[in-house]
Protein backbone atom coordinates (compact mmCIF):
# COMPACT_ATOMS: atom_id res chain seq x y z
CA MET A 1 34.36 1.01 -86.67
CA PRO A 2 32.04 0.56 -83.66
CA GLU A 3 33.46 1.04 -80.18
CA ASN A 4 33.29 -1.85 -77.83
CA LEU A 5 30.08 -1.50 -75.83
CA LEU A 6 31.50 -3.09 -72.80
CA TYR A 7 33.26 0.15 -71.97
CA GLN A 8 30.00 1.65 -71.05
CA TYR A 9 29.80 -0.56 -68.07
CA ILE A 10 33.21 0.45 -66.56
CA PRO A 11 31.69 3.03 -64.32
CA ILE A 12 29.18 0.64 -63.02
CA ALA A 13 31.76 -2.06 -62.33
CA VAL A 14 33.93 0.62 -60.46
CA MET A 15 30.91 1.72 -58.30
CA PHE A 16 30.35 -2.00 -57.70
CA GLY A 17 33.80 -2.51 -56.65
CA ILE A 18 33.83 0.42 -54.22
CA ALA A 19 30.48 -0.70 -52.64
CA LEU A 20 31.84 -4.37 -52.24
CA PHE A 21 35.10 -2.92 -50.69
CA ILE A 22 33.31 -0.69 -48.17
CA ALA A 23 30.78 -3.31 -47.32
CA LEU A 24 33.71 -5.81 -46.37
CA LEU A 25 35.94 -3.16 -44.91
CA VAL A 26 33.55 -1.69 -42.39
CA PRO A 27 32.71 -4.92 -40.57
CA ILE A 28 36.21 -6.04 -40.62
CA LEU A 29 37.51 -2.74 -39.05
CA SER A 30 34.64 -2.95 -36.44
CA ILE A 31 35.56 -6.50 -35.44
CA ALA A 32 39.39 -5.68 -35.40
CA LEU A 33 39.34 -2.34 -33.67
CA GLY A 34 36.23 -2.40 -31.68
CA PRO A 35 36.36 -2.75 -27.90
CA ARG A 36 35.88 -6.21 -26.34
CA ARG A 37 35.27 -5.81 -22.73
CA PRO A 38 32.79 -8.36 -21.54
CA SER A 39 31.36 -7.82 -18.03
CA ALA A 40 29.00 -9.66 -15.80
CA ARG A 41 26.29 -7.00 -16.74
CA LYS A 42 26.67 -7.30 -20.38
CA LEU A 43 26.62 -11.02 -20.17
CA SER A 44 23.49 -11.10 -17.99
CA PRO A 45 20.13 -12.18 -19.50
CA TYR A 46 18.42 -9.45 -21.43
CA GLU A 47 14.88 -7.95 -20.83
CA SER A 48 13.14 -10.61 -18.51
CA GLY A 49 15.94 -10.94 -16.03
CA ILE A 50 15.49 -14.70 -15.97
CA THR A 51 18.33 -16.86 -16.49
CA PRO A 52 17.74 -18.78 -19.78
CA ILE A 53 17.17 -22.72 -19.74
CA GLY A 54 18.43 -24.60 -22.61
CA ALA A 55 19.46 -23.49 -25.93
CA ALA A 56 18.35 -20.01 -26.89
CA GLN A 57 17.73 -21.18 -30.50
CA ARG A 58 14.94 -23.66 -30.81
CA ARG A 59 13.61 -25.40 -33.86
CA LEU A 60 10.35 -23.99 -35.31
CA PRO A 61 7.86 -26.35 -37.05
CA VAL A 62 7.87 -26.39 -40.66
CA LYS A 63 4.16 -25.27 -40.50
CA PHE A 64 5.27 -21.80 -39.65
CA TYR A 65 7.42 -21.60 -42.92
CA LEU A 66 4.64 -23.14 -44.90
CA ILE A 67 2.13 -20.47 -43.77
CA ALA A 68 4.59 -17.75 -44.65
CA VAL A 69 5.37 -19.14 -48.04
CA LEU A 70 1.67 -19.56 -48.85
CA PHE A 71 0.93 -15.98 -47.56
CA ILE A 72 3.69 -14.52 -49.82
CA LEU A 73 2.60 -16.56 -52.75
CA PHE A 74 -1.21 -15.69 -52.58
CA ASP A 75 -0.18 -12.04 -51.64
CA ILE A 76 1.88 -11.74 -54.77
CA GLU A 77 -0.87 -13.19 -56.86
CA ILE A 78 -3.34 -10.84 -55.60
CA ILE A 79 -0.82 -7.96 -56.57
CA PHE A 80 -0.94 -9.32 -60.18
CA LEU A 81 -4.64 -8.05 -60.30
CA LEU A 82 -3.63 -4.28 -59.90
CA PRO A 83 -2.23 -3.87 -63.53
CA TRP A 84 -5.39 -5.64 -64.73
CA ALA A 85 -7.60 -3.15 -62.72
CA VAL A 86 -5.73 -0.17 -64.21
CA THR A 87 -6.21 -1.44 -67.77
CA PHE A 88 -9.66 -2.93 -67.34
CA ARG A 89 -11.52 -0.60 -69.78
CA ILE A 90 -8.81 -1.03 -72.59
CA LEU A 91 -8.69 -4.86 -72.18
CA GLY A 92 -12.52 -5.27 -72.52
CA LEU A 93 -13.98 -8.63 -72.52
CA PHE A 94 -10.83 -10.51 -73.28
CA GLY A 95 -9.10 -9.07 -70.19
CA PHE A 96 -12.24 -9.96 -68.15
CA VAL A 97 -12.24 -13.59 -69.22
CA GLU A 98 -8.44 -13.69 -68.73
CA VAL A 99 -8.71 -12.47 -65.15
CA LEU A 100 -11.63 -14.90 -64.37
CA ILE A 101 -9.44 -17.71 -65.42
CA PHE A 102 -6.49 -16.44 -63.31
CA VAL A 103 -8.81 -16.10 -60.35
CA ALA A 104 -10.23 -19.45 -60.91
CA ILE A 105 -6.75 -21.12 -60.80
CA LEU A 106 -6.17 -19.04 -57.63
CA ILE A 107 -9.08 -20.38 -55.87
CA VAL A 108 -8.57 -23.93 -56.97
CA GLY A 109 -5.07 -23.56 -55.70
CA PHE A 110 -6.35 -22.17 -52.47
CA ILE A 111 -8.95 -24.98 -51.98
CA TRP A 112 -6.36 -27.56 -52.79
CA ILE A 113 -3.93 -26.44 -49.94
CA TRP A 114 -7.01 -26.05 -47.58
CA LYS A 115 -7.92 -29.69 -48.42
CA LYS A 116 -4.37 -30.73 -47.78
CA GLY A 117 -4.57 -29.37 -44.24
CA ALA A 118 -2.05 -26.52 -44.71
CA PHE A 119 -4.11 -24.21 -42.57
CA GLU A 120 -4.58 -26.52 -39.77
CA TRP A 121 -2.92 -25.58 -36.35
CA GLU A 122 -1.94 -28.71 -34.26
């Protein structure tokens, strides 16, 4: 009679529980037991010495996030070329044609977002 295979995961669940407990316990203890002594020096402006005007958090244009997402997207797609380069000789002509199709799709996407004005700073 085969043993239940879920018993193999008990050590992982215990380690996960311990990690979760410590991850929650340390910040809670820090907040509960840590000193709270605000002073004029601690509450003064940091680095520049200039008293801030307005809110410290201001909204960034969506353009910054768009550029960041596009960078990550194209960066990850370029990383996909590494396994191809490593196995280039094994794949032969089939692998070469496949990577040409991949790069063509990548270039079409790049031209499309360029035409849409995603890289234009206003």
